[in-house]
Full PDB file with SEQRES, HELIX, SHEET, SSBOND, CRYST1, ORIGX, SCALE, CONECT and MASTER records, all heavy atoms in Angstrom:
SEQRES   1 A   40  PHE TYR HIS THR ASP ARG PRO GLY ARG PRO SER LEU ALA          
SEQRES   2 A   40  LEU ASP MET MET GLU GLU LEU ARG PRO PHE LEU SER ASP          
SEQRES   3 A   40  ARG LEU ALA LEU ASN LEU VAL ASN LEU GLN GLN ILE GLY          
SEQRES   4 A   40  LYS                                                          
HELIX    1 AA1 SER A   11  LEU A   20  1                                  10    
HELIX    2 AA2 ARG A   21  ASP A   26  3                                   6    
HELIX    3 AA3 ARG A   27  ASN A   34  1                                   8    
CRYST1    1.000    1.000    1.000  90.00  90.00  90.00 P 1           1          
ORIGX1      1.000000  0.000000  0.000000        0.00000                         
ORIGX2      0.000000  1.000000  0.000000        0.00000                         
ORIGX3      0.000000  0.000000  1.000000        0.00000                         
SCALE1      1.000000  0.000000  0.000000        0.00000                         
SCALE2      0.000000  1.000000  0.000000        0.00000                         
SCALE3      0.000000  0.000000  1.000000        0.00000                         
ATOM      1  N   PHE A   1       6.636   1.296 -80.395  1.00  0.00           N  
ATOM      2  CA  PHE A   1       7.397   1.890 -79.398  1.00  0.00           C  
ATOM      3  C   PHE A   1       8.004   0.787 -78.394  1.00  0.00           C  
ATOM      4  O   PHE A   1       9.168   0.772 -78.141  1.00  0.00           O  
ATOM      5  CB  PHE A   1       6.657   2.901 -78.659  1.00  0.00           C  
ATOM      6  CG  PHE A   1       6.230   3.980 -79.413  1.00  0.00           C  
ATOM      7  CD1 PHE A   1       4.864   4.023 -79.724  1.00  0.00           C  
ATOM      8  CD2 PHE A   1       7.117   5.051 -79.753  1.00  0.00           C  
ATOM      9  CE1 PHE A   1       4.372   5.155 -80.474  1.00  0.00           C  
ATOM     10  CE2 PHE A   1       6.643   6.172 -80.541  1.00  0.00           C  
ATOM     11  CZ  PHE A   1       5.255   6.188 -80.861  1.00  0.00           C  
ATOM     12  N   TYR A   2       7.300  -0.090 -77.909  1.00  0.00           N  
ATOM     13  CA  TYR A   2       7.654  -0.985 -77.074  1.00  0.00           C  
ATOM     14  C   TYR A   2       7.915  -2.424 -77.463  1.00  0.00           C  
ATOM     15  O   TYR A   2       8.873  -3.017 -77.198  1.00  0.00           O  
ATOM     16  CB  TYR A   2       6.588  -1.072 -75.771  1.00  0.00           C  
ATOM     17  CG  TYR A   2       6.344   0.212 -75.073  1.00  0.00           C  
ATOM     18  CD1 TYR A   2       4.947   0.838 -75.244  1.00  0.00           C  
ATOM     19  CD2 TYR A   2       7.297   0.627 -74.476  1.00  0.00           C  
ATOM     20  CE1 TYR A   2       4.884   2.053 -74.634  1.00  0.00           C  
ATOM     21  CE2 TYR A   2       7.183   1.932 -73.821  1.00  0.00           C  
ATOM     22  CZ  TYR A   2       5.907   2.568 -73.944  1.00  0.00           C  
ATOM     23  OH  TYR A   2       5.677   3.779 -73.213  1.00  0.00           O  
ATOM     24  N   HIS A   3       7.025  -2.934 -78.283  1.00  0.00           N  
ATOM     25  CA  HIS A   3       7.249  -4.182 -78.985  1.00  0.00           C  
ATOM     26  C   HIS A   3       8.236  -4.065 -79.973  1.00  0.00           C  
ATOM     27  O   HIS A   3       8.351  -3.132 -80.875  1.00  0.00           O  
ATOM     28  CB  HIS A   3       5.972  -4.659 -79.513  1.00  0.00           C  
ATOM     29  CG  HIS A   3       4.886  -5.171 -78.570  1.00  0.00           C  
ATOM     30  ND1 HIS A   3       4.069  -4.356 -77.869  1.00  0.00           N  
ATOM     31  CD2 HIS A   3       4.813  -6.418 -78.013  1.00  0.00           C  
ATOM     32  CE1 HIS A   3       3.442  -5.035 -76.996  1.00  0.00           C  
ATOM     33  NE2 HIS A   3       3.701  -6.355 -77.107  1.00  0.00           N  
ATOM     34  N   THR A   4       9.182  -5.006 -80.046  1.00  0.00           N  
ATOM     35  CA  THR A   4      10.338  -5.077 -81.098  1.00  0.00           C  
ATOM     36  C   THR A   4       9.767  -5.086 -82.503  1.00  0.00           C  
ATOM     37  O   THR A   4       8.850  -5.882 -82.734  1.00  0.00           O  
ATOM     38  CB  THR A   4      11.300  -6.260 -80.752  1.00  0.00           C  
ATOM     39  OG1 THR A   4      11.587  -6.227 -79.516  1.00  0.00           O  
ATOM     40  CG2 THR A   4      12.441  -6.258 -81.761  1.00  0.00           C  
ATOM     41  N   ASP A   5      10.352  -4.201 -83.334  1.00  0.00           N  
ATOM     42  CA  ASP A   5       9.949  -4.317 -84.739  1.00  0.00           C  
ATOM     43  C   ASP A   5      10.475  -5.552 -85.394  1.00  0.00           C  
ATOM     44  O   ASP A   5      11.726  -5.799 -85.232  1.00  0.00           O  
ATOM     45  CB  ASP A   5      10.382  -3.073 -85.528  1.00  0.00           C  
ATOM     46  CG  ASP A   5       9.649  -1.842 -85.085  1.00  0.00           C  
ATOM     47  OD1 ASP A   5       8.448  -1.943 -84.420  1.00  0.00           O  
ATOM     48  OD2 ASP A   5      10.229  -0.804 -85.320  1.00  0.00           O  
ATOM     49  N   ARG A   6       9.632  -6.288 -86.026  1.00  0.00           N  
ATOM     50  CA  ARG A   6      10.052  -7.471 -86.730  1.00  0.00           C  
ATOM     51  C   ARG A   6       9.184  -7.584 -88.046  1.00  0.00           C  
ATOM     52  O   ARG A   6       8.074  -7.216 -87.904  1.00  0.00           O  
ATOM     53  CB  ARG A   6       9.890  -8.764 -85.966  1.00  0.00           C  
ATOM     54  CG  ARG A   6      10.896  -8.927 -84.820  1.00  0.00           C  
ATOM     55  CD  ARG A   6      10.719 -10.453 -84.321  1.00  0.00           C  
ATOM     56  NE  ARG A   6      10.533 -10.253 -82.908  1.00  0.00           N  
ATOM     57  CZ  ARG A   6       9.944 -11.322 -82.148  1.00  0.00           C  
ATOM     58  NH1 ARG A   6       9.465 -12.377 -82.696  1.00  0.00           N  
ATOM     59  NH2 ARG A   6       9.875 -11.174 -80.937  1.00  0.00           N  
ATOM     60  N   PRO A   7       9.785  -8.117 -89.067  1.00  0.00           N  
ATOM     61  CA  PRO A   7       8.892  -8.304 -90.358  1.00  0.00           C  
ATOM     62  C   PRO A   7       7.560  -8.970 -89.992  1.00  0.00           C  
ATOM     63  O   PRO A   7       7.586  -9.999 -89.505  1.00  0.00           O  
ATOM     64  CB  PRO A   7       9.850  -9.029 -91.321  1.00  0.00           C  
ATOM     65  CG  PRO A   7      11.149  -8.768 -90.765  1.00  0.00           C  
ATOM     66  CD  PRO A   7      11.109  -8.593 -89.278  1.00  0.00           C  
ATOM     67  N   GLY A   8       6.477  -8.378 -90.491  1.00  0.00           N  
ATOM     68  CA  GLY A   8       5.213  -9.037 -90.377  1.00  0.00           C  
ATOM     69  C   GLY A   8       4.588  -8.817 -89.000  1.00  0.00           C  
ATOM     70  O   GLY A   8       3.428  -9.232 -88.647  1.00  0.00           O  
ATOM     71  N   ARG A   9       5.208  -8.231 -88.023  1.00  0.00           N  
ATOM     72  CA  ARG A   9       4.727  -8.124 -86.719  1.00  0.00           C  
ATOM     73  C   ARG A   9       4.093  -6.586 -86.482  1.00  0.00           C  
ATOM     74  O   ARG A   9       4.917  -5.646 -86.622  1.00  0.00           O  
ATOM     75  CB  ARG A   9       5.848  -8.271 -85.705  1.00  0.00           C  
ATOM     76  CG  ARG A   9       5.304  -8.065 -84.344  1.00  0.00           C  
ATOM     77  CD  ARG A   9       6.459  -8.437 -83.331  1.00  0.00           C  
ATOM     78  NE  ARG A   9       5.979  -8.468 -81.964  1.00  0.00           N  
ATOM     79  CZ  ARG A   9       6.688  -8.818 -80.916  1.00  0.00           C  
ATOM     80  NH1 ARG A   9       7.963  -9.015 -81.098  1.00  0.00           N  
ATOM     81  NH2 ARG A   9       6.221  -8.929 -79.645  1.00  0.00           N  
ATOM     82  N   PRO A  10       2.803  -6.458 -86.295  1.00  0.00           N  
ATOM     83  CA  PRO A  10       2.308  -5.052 -86.019  1.00  0.00           C  
ATOM     84  C   PRO A  10       2.639  -4.491 -84.589  1.00  0.00           C  
ATOM     85  O   PRO A  10       1.753  -4.587 -83.681  1.00  0.00           O  
ATOM     86  CB  PRO A  10       0.744  -5.288 -86.364  1.00  0.00           C  
ATOM     87  CG  PRO A  10       0.560  -6.698 -85.705  1.00  0.00           C  
ATOM     88  CD  PRO A  10       1.878  -7.441 -86.215  1.00  0.00           C  
ATOM     89  N   SER A  11       3.886  -4.021 -84.526  1.00  0.00           N  
ATOM     90  CA  SER A  11       4.363  -3.734 -83.218  1.00  0.00           C  
ATOM     91  C   SER A  11       3.475  -2.531 -82.567  1.00  0.00           C  
ATOM     92  O   SER A  11       3.277  -2.515 -81.380  1.00  0.00           O  
ATOM     93  CB  SER A  11       5.774  -3.331 -83.245  1.00  0.00           C  
ATOM     94  OG  SER A  11       6.536  -4.320 -83.768  1.00  0.00           O  
ATOM     95  N   LEU A  12       3.185  -1.391 -83.344  1.00  0.00           N  
ATOM     96  CA  LEU A  12       2.490  -0.351 -82.755  1.00  0.00           C  
ATOM     97  C   LEU A  12       1.134  -0.767 -82.420  1.00  0.00           C  
ATOM     98  O   LEU A  12       0.531  -0.397 -81.385  1.00  0.00           O  
ATOM     99  CB  LEU A  12       2.411   0.865 -83.775  1.00  0.00           C  
ATOM    100  CG  LEU A  12       1.558   2.001 -83.262  1.00  0.00           C  
ATOM    101  CD1 LEU A  12       2.359   2.516 -81.973  1.00  0.00           C  
ATOM    102  CD2 LEU A  12       1.723   3.139 -84.448  1.00  0.00           C  
ATOM    103  N   ALA A  13       0.380  -1.728 -83.182  1.00  0.00           N  
ATOM    104  CA  ALA A  13      -0.929  -2.355 -82.834  1.00  0.00           C  
ATOM    105  C   ALA A  13      -0.857  -3.086 -81.577  1.00  0.00           C  
ATOM    106  O   ALA A  13      -1.603  -2.975 -80.705  1.00  0.00           O  
ATOM    107  CB  ALA A  13      -1.461  -3.188 -83.955  1.00  0.00           C  
ATOM    108  N   LEU A  14       0.304  -3.801 -81.346  1.00  0.00           N  
ATOM    109  CA  LEU A  14       0.442  -4.578 -80.151  1.00  0.00           C  
ATOM    110  C   LEU A  14       0.710  -3.579 -78.995  1.00  0.00           C  
ATOM    111  O   LEU A  14       0.248  -3.830 -77.734  1.00  0.00           O  
ATOM    112  CB  LEU A  14       1.650  -5.553 -80.305  1.00  0.00           C  
ATOM    113  CG  LEU A  14       1.454  -6.609 -81.228  1.00  0.00           C  
ATOM    114  CD1 LEU A  14       2.827  -7.489 -81.476  1.00  0.00           C  
ATOM    115  CD2 LEU A  14       0.366  -7.590 -80.823  1.00  0.00           C  
ATOM    116  N   ASP A  15       1.476  -2.610 -79.187  1.00  0.00           N  
ATOM    117  CA  ASP A  15       1.711  -1.514 -78.105  1.00  0.00           C  
ATOM    118  C   ASP A  15       0.379  -0.946 -77.624  1.00  0.00           C  
ATOM    119  O   ASP A  15       0.038  -0.918 -76.449  1.00  0.00           O  
ATOM    120  CB  ASP A  15       2.535  -0.372 -78.645  1.00  0.00           C  
ATOM    121  CG  ASP A  15       3.986  -0.774 -78.993  1.00  0.00           C  
ATOM    122  OD1 ASP A  15       4.482  -1.848 -78.376  1.00  0.00           O  
ATOM    123  OD2 ASP A  15       4.671   0.113 -79.568  1.00  0.00           O  
ATOM    124  N   MET A  16      -0.574  -0.559 -78.634  1.00  0.00           N  
ATOM    125  CA  MET A  16      -1.783   0.013 -78.275  1.00  0.00           C  
ATOM    126  C   MET A  16      -2.855  -0.947 -77.695  1.00  0.00           C  
ATOM    127  O   MET A  16      -3.693  -0.607 -76.844  1.00  0.00           O  
ATOM    128  CB  MET A  16      -2.477   0.652 -79.530  1.00  0.00           C  
ATOM    129  CG  MET A  16      -3.690   1.491 -79.149  1.00  0.00           C  
ATOM    130  SD  MET A  16      -4.151   2.672 -80.577  1.00  0.00           S  
ATOM    131  CE  MET A  16      -2.875   3.916 -80.362  1.00  0.00           C  
ATOM    132  N   MET A  17      -2.636  -2.178 -77.999  1.00  0.00           N  
ATOM    133  CA  MET A  17      -3.537  -3.143 -77.522  1.00  0.00           C  
ATOM    134  C   MET A  17      -3.354  -3.414 -75.951  1.00  0.00           C  
ATOM    135  O   MET A  17      -4.139  -3.663 -75.165  1.00  0.00           O  
ATOM    136  CB  MET A  17      -3.225  -4.590 -78.126  1.00  0.00           C  
ATOM    137  CG  MET A  17      -3.915  -4.924 -79.284  1.00  0.00           C  
ATOM    138  SD  MET A  17      -3.345  -6.628 -79.948  1.00  0.00           S  
ATOM    139  CE  MET A  17      -3.909  -7.581 -78.445  1.00  0.00           C  
ATOM    140  N   GLU A  18      -2.133  -3.150 -75.459  1.00  0.00           N  
ATOM    141  CA  GLU A  18      -1.925  -3.231 -74.021  1.00  0.00           C  
ATOM    142  C   GLU A  18      -2.872  -2.407 -73.053  1.00  0.00           C  
ATOM    143  O   GLU A  18      -3.260  -2.829 -72.135  1.00  0.00           O  
ATOM    144  CB  GLU A  18      -0.348  -2.842 -73.754  1.00  0.00           C  
ATOM    145  CG  GLU A  18       0.688  -3.707 -74.328  1.00  0.00           C  
ATOM    146  CD  GLU A  18       0.589  -5.131 -73.845  1.00  0.00           C  
ATOM    147  OE1 GLU A  18       0.271  -5.341 -72.703  1.00  0.00           O  
ATOM    148  OE2 GLU A  18       1.036  -5.989 -74.577  1.00  0.00           O  
ATOM    149  N   GLU A  19      -3.144  -1.205 -73.600  1.00  0.00           N  
ATOM    150  CA  GLU A  19      -4.049  -0.456 -72.810  1.00  0.00           C  
ATOM    151  C   GLU A  19      -5.465  -0.837 -72.983  1.00  0.00           C  
ATOM    152  O   GLU A  19      -6.393  -0.447 -72.116  1.00  0.00           O  
ATOM    153  CB  GLU A  19      -3.899   1.086 -73.118  1.00  0.00           C  
ATOM    154  CG  GLU A  19      -4.375   1.521 -74.475  1.00  0.00           C  
ATOM    155  CD  GLU A  19      -3.856   2.828 -74.897  1.00  0.00           C  
ATOM    156  OE1 GLU A  19      -2.673   3.068 -75.076  1.00  0.00           O  
ATOM    157  OE2 GLU A  19      -4.751   3.750 -74.869  1.00  0.00           O  
ATOM    158  N   LEU A  20      -5.857  -1.489 -74.035  1.00  0.00           N  
ATOM    159  CA  LEU A  20      -7.141  -1.806 -74.368  1.00  0.00           C  
ATOM    160  C   LEU A  20      -7.566  -3.352 -73.882  1.00  0.00           C  
ATOM    161  O   LEU A  20      -8.732  -3.594 -73.724  1.00  0.00           O  
ATOM    162  CB  LEU A  20      -7.469  -1.604 -75.825  1.00  0.00           C  
ATOM    163  CG  LEU A  20      -7.335  -0.241 -76.373  1.00  0.00           C  
ATOM    164  CD1 LEU A  20      -7.516  -0.219 -77.923  1.00  0.00           C  
ATOM    165  CD2 LEU A  20      -8.236   0.722 -75.788  1.00  0.00           C  
ATOM    166  N   ARG A  21      -6.617  -4.107 -73.732  1.00  0.00           N  
ATOM    167  CA  ARG A  21      -6.909  -5.534 -73.471  1.00  0.00           C  
ATOM    168  C   ARG A  21      -7.773  -5.737 -72.230  1.00  0.00           C  
ATOM    169  O   ARG A  21      -8.771  -6.526 -72.291  1.00  0.00           O  
ATOM    170  CB  ARG A  21      -5.530  -6.323 -73.292  1.00  0.00           C  
ATOM    171  CG  ARG A  21      -4.973  -6.653 -74.775  1.00  0.00           C  
ATOM    172  CD  ARG A  21      -3.724  -7.586 -74.496  1.00  0.00           C  
ATOM    173  NE  ARG A  21      -3.073  -7.452 -73.324  1.00  0.00           N  
ATOM    174  CZ  ARG A  21      -2.203  -8.377 -72.926  1.00  0.00           C  
ATOM    175  NH1 ARG A  21      -1.624  -9.058 -73.839  1.00  0.00           N  
ATOM    176  NH2 ARG A  21      -1.568  -8.314 -71.664  1.00  0.00           N  
ATOM    177  N   PRO A  22      -7.372  -5.035 -71.079  1.00  0.00           N  
ATOM    178  CA  PRO A  22      -8.061  -5.328 -69.873  1.00  0.00           C  
ATOM    179  C   PRO A  22      -9.632  -4.944 -69.942  1.00  0.00           C  
ATOM    180  O   PRO A  22     -10.459  -5.727 -69.524  1.00  0.00           O  
ATOM    181  CB  PRO A  22      -7.483  -4.508 -68.854  1.00  0.00           C  
ATOM    182  CG  PRO A  22      -6.104  -4.137 -69.339  1.00  0.00           C  
ATOM    183  CD  PRO A  22      -6.196  -4.156 -70.781  1.00  0.00           C  
ATOM    184  N   PHE A  23      -9.836  -3.830 -70.661  1.00  0.00           N  
ATOM    185  CA  PHE A  23     -11.215  -3.377 -70.780  1.00  0.00           C  
ATOM    186  C   PHE A  23     -12.027  -4.195 -71.783  1.00  0.00           C  
ATOM    187  O   PHE A  23     -13.206  -4.454 -71.632  1.00  0.00           O  
ATOM    188  CB  PHE A  23     -11.308  -1.849 -71.040  1.00  0.00           C  
ATOM    189  CG  PHE A  23     -12.608  -1.383 -71.030  1.00  0.00           C  
ATOM    190  CD1 PHE A  23     -13.421  -1.062 -69.880  1.00  0.00           C  
ATOM    191  CD2 PHE A  23     -13.147  -0.936 -72.278  1.00  0.00           C  
ATOM    192  CE1 PHE A  23     -14.627  -0.567 -69.853  1.00  0.00           C  
ATOM    193  CE2 PHE A  23     -14.499  -0.380 -72.302  1.00  0.00           C  
ATOM    194  CZ  PHE A  23     -15.217  -0.218 -71.127  1.00  0.00           C  
ATOM    195  N   LEU A  24     -11.345  -4.472 -72.962  1.00  0.00           N  
ATOM    196  CA  LEU A  24     -12.170  -5.188 -73.984  1.00  0.00           C  
ATOM    197  C   LEU A  24     -12.097  -6.663 -73.894  1.00  0.00           C  
ATOM    198  O   LEU A  24     -13.076  -7.406 -73.896  1.00  0.00           O  
ATOM    199  CB  LEU A  24     -11.650  -4.573 -75.391  1.00  0.00           C  
ATOM    200  CG  LEU A  24     -12.039  -3.168 -75.739  1.00  0.00           C  
ATOM    201  CD1 LEU A  24     -11.171  -2.698 -76.984  1.00  0.00           C  
ATOM    202  CD2 LEU A  24     -13.479  -3.090 -75.979  1.00  0.00           C  
ATOM    203  N   SER A  25     -10.885  -7.145 -73.969  1.00  0.00           N  
ATOM    204  CA  SER A  25     -10.727  -8.650 -74.049  1.00  0.00           C  
ATOM    205  C   SER A  25     -10.711  -9.416 -72.803  1.00  0.00           C  
ATOM    206  O   SER A  25     -11.651 -10.378 -72.624  1.00  0.00           O  
ATOM    207  CB  SER A  25      -9.394  -8.978 -74.866  1.00  0.00           C  
ATOM    208  OG  SER A  25      -9.415  -8.440 -76.065  1.00  0.00           O  
ATOM    209  N   ASP A  26      -9.991  -8.974 -71.880  1.00  0.00           N  
ATOM    210  CA  ASP A  26      -9.965  -9.676 -70.562  1.00  0.00           C  
ATOM    211  C   ASP A  26     -11.364  -9.753 -69.792  1.00  0.00           C  
ATOM    212  O   ASP A  26     -11.757 -10.764 -69.343  1.00  0.00           O  
ATOM    213  CB  ASP A  26      -8.890  -9.078 -69.619  1.00  0.00           C  
ATOM    214  CG  ASP A  26      -7.441  -9.095 -70.189  1.00  0.00           C  
ATOM    215  OD1 ASP A  26      -7.263  -9.973 -71.240  1.00  0.00           O  
ATOM    216  OD2 ASP A  26      -6.550  -8.556 -69.699  1.00  0.00           O  
ATOM    217  N   ARG A  27     -11.926  -8.556 -69.724  1.00  0.00           N  
ATOM    218  CA  ARG A  27     -13.166  -8.362 -69.097  1.00  0.00           C  
ATOM    219  C   ARG A  27     -14.305  -9.304 -69.751  1.00  0.00           C  
ATOM    220  O   ARG A  27     -15.106  -9.969 -69.167  1.00  0.00           O  
ATOM    221  CB  ARG A  27     -13.666  -6.951 -68.999  1.00  0.00           C  
ATOM    222  CG  ARG A  27     -14.964  -6.709 -68.325  1.00  0.00           C  
ATOM    223  CD  ARG A  27     -15.347  -5.278 -68.215  1.00  0.00           C  
ATOM    224  NE  ARG A  27     -14.477  -4.609 -67.385  1.00  0.00           N  
ATOM    225  CZ  ARG A  27     -14.591  -3.273 -67.025  1.00  0.00           C  
ATOM    226  NH1 ARG A  27     -15.326  -2.618 -67.499  1.00  0.00           N  
ATOM    227  NH2 ARG A  27     -13.533  -2.759 -66.249  1.00  0.00           N  
ATOM    228  N   LEU A  28     -14.255  -9.247 -71.082  1.00  0.00           N  
ATOM    229  CA  LEU A  28     -15.150 -10.141 -71.850  1.00  0.00           C  
ATOM    230  C   LEU A  28     -14.975 -11.629 -71.575  1.00  0.00           C  
ATOM    231  O   LEU A  28     -15.920 -12.432 -71.317  1.00  0.00           O  
ATOM    232  CB  LEU A  28     -15.164  -9.881 -73.365  1.00  0.00           C  
ATOM    233  CG  LEU A  28     -16.072 -10.624 -74.215  1.00  0.00           C  
ATOM    234  CD1 LEU A  28     -17.646 -10.434 -73.717  1.00  0.00           C  
ATOM    235  CD2 LEU A  28     -16.011 -10.190 -75.698  1.00  0.00           C  
ATOM    236  N   ALA A  29     -13.621 -12.104 -71.669  1.00  0.00           N  
ATOM    237  CA  ALA A  29     -13.488 -13.388 -71.284  1.00  0.00           C  
ATOM    238  C   ALA A  29     -14.034 -13.830 -69.949  1.00  0.00           C  
ATOM    239  O   ALA A  29     -14.610 -14.860 -69.800  1.00  0.00           O  
ATOM    240  CB  ALA A  29     -11.884 -13.607 -71.474  1.00  0.00           C  
ATOM    241  N   LEU A  30     -13.672 -12.939 -68.919  1.00  0.00           N  
ATOM    242  CA  LEU A  30     -14.157 -13.346 -67.613  1.00  0.00           C  
ATOM    243  C   LEU A  30     -15.586 -13.390 -67.548  1.00  0.00           C  
ATOM    244  O   LEU A  30     -16.270 -14.203 -66.886  1.00  0.00           O  
ATOM    245  CB  LEU A  30     -13.663 -12.311 -66.525  1.00  0.00           C  
ATOM    246  CG  LEU A  30     -12.107 -12.382 -66.335  1.00  0.00           C  
ATOM    247  CD1 LEU A  30     -11.714 -11.262 -65.489  1.00  0.00           C  
ATOM    248  CD2 LEU A  30     -11.841 -13.770 -65.619  1.00  0.00           C  
ATOM    249  N   ASN A  31     -16.307 -12.398 -68.075  1.00  0.00           N  
ATOM    250  CA  ASN A  31     -17.795 -12.461 -68.234  1.00  0.00           C  
ATOM    251  C   ASN A  31     -18.341 -13.747 -68.904  1.00  0.00           C  
ATOM    252  O   ASN A  31     -19.265 -14.302 -68.482  1.00  0.00           O  
ATOM    253  CB  ASN A  31     -18.344 -11.278 -68.992  1.00  0.00           C  
ATOM    254  CG  ASN A  31     -18.250  -9.911 -68.029  1.00  0.00           C  
ATOM    255  OD1 ASN A  31     -18.132 -10.019 -66.899  1.00  0.00           O  
ATOM    256  ND2 ASN A  31     -18.364  -8.816 -68.760  1.00  0.00           N  
ATOM    257  N   LEU A  32     -17.847 -14.111 -70.054  1.00  0.00           N  
ATOM    258  CA  LEU A  32     -18.185 -15.297 -70.769  1.00  0.00           C  
ATOM    259  C   LEU A  32     -18.164 -16.522 -69.844  1.00  0.00           C  
ATOM    260  O   LEU A  32     -18.972 -17.431 -69.853  1.00  0.00           O  
ATOM    261  CB  LEU A  32     -17.426 -15.531 -71.976  1.00  0.00           C  
ATOM    262  CG  LEU A  32     -17.792 -14.510 -73.153  1.00  0.00           C  
ATOM    263  CD1 LEU A  32     -16.746 -14.753 -74.248  1.00  0.00           C  
ATOM    264  CD2 LEU A  32     -19.120 -14.785 -73.683  1.00  0.00           C  
ATOM    265  N   VAL A  33     -17.041 -16.663 -69.105  1.00  0.00           N  
ATOM    266  CA  VAL A  33     -16.852 -17.817 -68.176  1.00  0.00           C  
ATOM    267  C   VAL A  33     -17.692 -17.686 -66.962  1.00  0.00           C  
ATOM    268  O   VAL A  33     -18.394 -18.630 -66.654  1.00  0.00           O  
ATOM    269  CB  VAL A  33     -15.393 -18.015 -67.858  1.00  0.00           C  
ATOM    270  CG1 VAL A  33     -15.183 -18.929 -66.734  1.00  0.00           C  
ATOM    271  CG2 VAL A  33     -14.475 -18.248 -69.095  1.00  0.00           C  
ATOM    272  N   ASN A  34     -17.790 -16.500 -66.244  1.00  0.00           N  
ATOM    273  CA  ASN A  34     -18.489 -16.360 -65.088  1.00  0.00           C  
ATOM    274  C   ASN A  34     -19.998 -16.492 -65.375  1.00  0.00           C  
ATOM    275  O   ASN A  34     -20.698 -16.989 -64.435  1.00  0.00           O  
ATOM    276  CB  ASN A  34     -18.164 -15.007 -64.511  1.00  0.00           C  
ATOM    277  CG  ASN A  34     -16.796 -14.976 -63.879  1.00  0.00           C  
ATOM    278  OD1 ASN A  34     -16.237 -16.068 -63.539  1.00  0.00           O  
ATOM    279  ND2 ASN A  34     -16.258 -13.904 -63.652  1.00  0.00           N  
ATOM    280  N   LEU A  35     -20.474 -16.050 -66.528  1.00  0.00           N  
ATOM    281  CA  LEU A  35     -21.867 -16.069 -66.836  1.00  0.00           C  
ATOM    282  C   LEU A  35     -22.177 -17.480 -67.584  1.00  0.00           C  
ATOM    283  O   LEU A  35     -23.204 -17.636 -67.949  1.00  0.00           O  
ATOM    284  CB  LEU A  35     -22.231 -14.955 -67.646  1.00  0.00           C  
ATOM    285  CG  LEU A  35     -22.207 -13.680 -67.024  1.00  0.00           C  
ATOM    286  CD1 LEU A  35     -22.468 -12.538 -67.977  1.00  0.00           C  
ATOM    287  CD2 LEU A  35     -23.156 -13.486 -65.738  1.00  0.00           C  
ATOM    288  N   GLN A  36     -21.318 -18.383 -67.582  1.00  0.00           N  
ATOM    289  CA  GLN A  36     -21.326 -19.745 -68.128  1.00  0.00           C  
ATOM    290  C   GLN A  36     -21.868 -19.588 -69.570  1.00  0.00           C  
ATOM    291  O   GLN A  36     -22.645 -20.624 -69.992  1.00  0.00           O  
ATOM    292  CB  GLN A  36     -22.282 -20.582 -67.193  1.00  0.00           C  
ATOM    293  CG  GLN A  36     -21.676 -20.684 -65.884  1.00  0.00           C  
ATOM    294  CD  GLN A  36     -22.564 -21.511 -64.998  1.00  0.00           C  
ATOM    295  OE1 GLN A  36     -23.659 -21.961 -65.241  1.00  0.00           O  
ATOM    296  NE2 GLN A  36     -22.075 -21.771 -63.794  1.00  0.00           N  
ATOM    297  N   GLN A  37     -21.495 -18.618 -70.375  1.00  0.00           N  
ATOM    298  CA  GLN A  37     -21.760 -18.588 -71.776  1.00  0.00           C  
ATOM    299  C   GLN A  37     -20.768 -19.448 -72.579  1.00  0.00           C  
ATOM    300  O   GLN A  37     -21.039 -19.874 -73.730  1.00  0.00           O  
ATOM    301  CB  GLN A  37     -21.770 -17.164 -72.319  1.00  0.00           C  
ATOM    302  CG  GLN A  37     -22.865 -16.355 -71.690  1.00  0.00           C  
ATOM    303  CD  GLN A  37     -22.874 -14.950 -72.032  1.00  0.00           C  
ATOM    304  OE1 GLN A  37     -21.992 -14.161 -71.595  1.00  0.00           O  
ATOM    305  NE2 GLN A  37     -23.599 -14.465 -72.995  1.00  0.00           N  
ATOM    306  N   ILE A  38     -19.590 -19.610 -71.977  1.00  0.00           N  
ATOM    307  CA  ILE A  38     -18.515 -20.496 -72.561  1.00  0.00           C  
ATOM    308  C   ILE A  38     -18.159 -21.412 -71.423  1.00  0.00           C  
ATOM    309  O   ILE A  38     -17.942 -21.108 -70.158  1.00  0.00           O  
ATOM    310  CB  ILE A  38     -17.313 -19.707 -72.781  1.00  0.00           C  
ATOM    311  CG1 ILE A  38     -17.712 -18.761 -74.081  1.00  0.00           C  
ATOM    312  CG2 ILE A  38     -16.042 -20.530 -73.035  1.00  0.00           C  
ATOM    313  CD1 ILE A  38     -17.715 -19.524 -75.301  1.00  0.00           C  
ATOM    314  N   GLY A  39     -18.051 -22.718 -71.642  1.00  0.00           N  
ATOM    315  CA  GLY A  39     -17.683 -23.765 -70.619  1.00  0.00           C  
ATOM    316  C   GLY A  39     -16.730 -24.798 -71.286  1.00  0.00           C  
ATOM    317  O   GLY A  39     -16.349 -24.599 -72.382  1.00  0.00           O  
ATOM    318  N   LYS A  40     -16.496 -25.774 -70.525  1.00  0.00           N  
ATOM    319  CA  LYS A  40     -15.514 -26.828 -70.889  1.00  0.00           C  
ATOM    320  C   LYS A  40     -15.980 -27.469 -72.152  1.00  0.00           C  
ATOM    321  O   LYS A  40     -15.132 -27.957 -72.843  1.00  0.00           O  
ATOM    322  CB  LYS A  40     -15.194 -27.805 -69.770  1.00  0.00           C  
ATOM    323  CG  LYS A  40     -16.517 -28.648 -69.389  1.00  0.00           C  
ATOM    324  CD  LYS A  40     -16.015 -29.651 -68.317  1.00  0.00           C  
ATOM    325  CE  LYS A  40     -17.321 -30.432 -67.825  1.00  0.00           C  
ATOM    326  NZ  LYS A  40     -17.044 -31.425 -66.885  1.00  0.00           N  
TER     327      LYS A  40                                                      
MASTER        0    0    0    3    0    0    0    6  326    1    0    4          
END                                                                             
């Protein structure tokens, strides 16, 4: 709906990711860094 359709690009998956990214990916990334499970 939102991401432009291009060959090989999963546009609907990218659309749906927008609502899930903060809760799943972004929060996990911050936790990994803040809890020092991932470092430089």
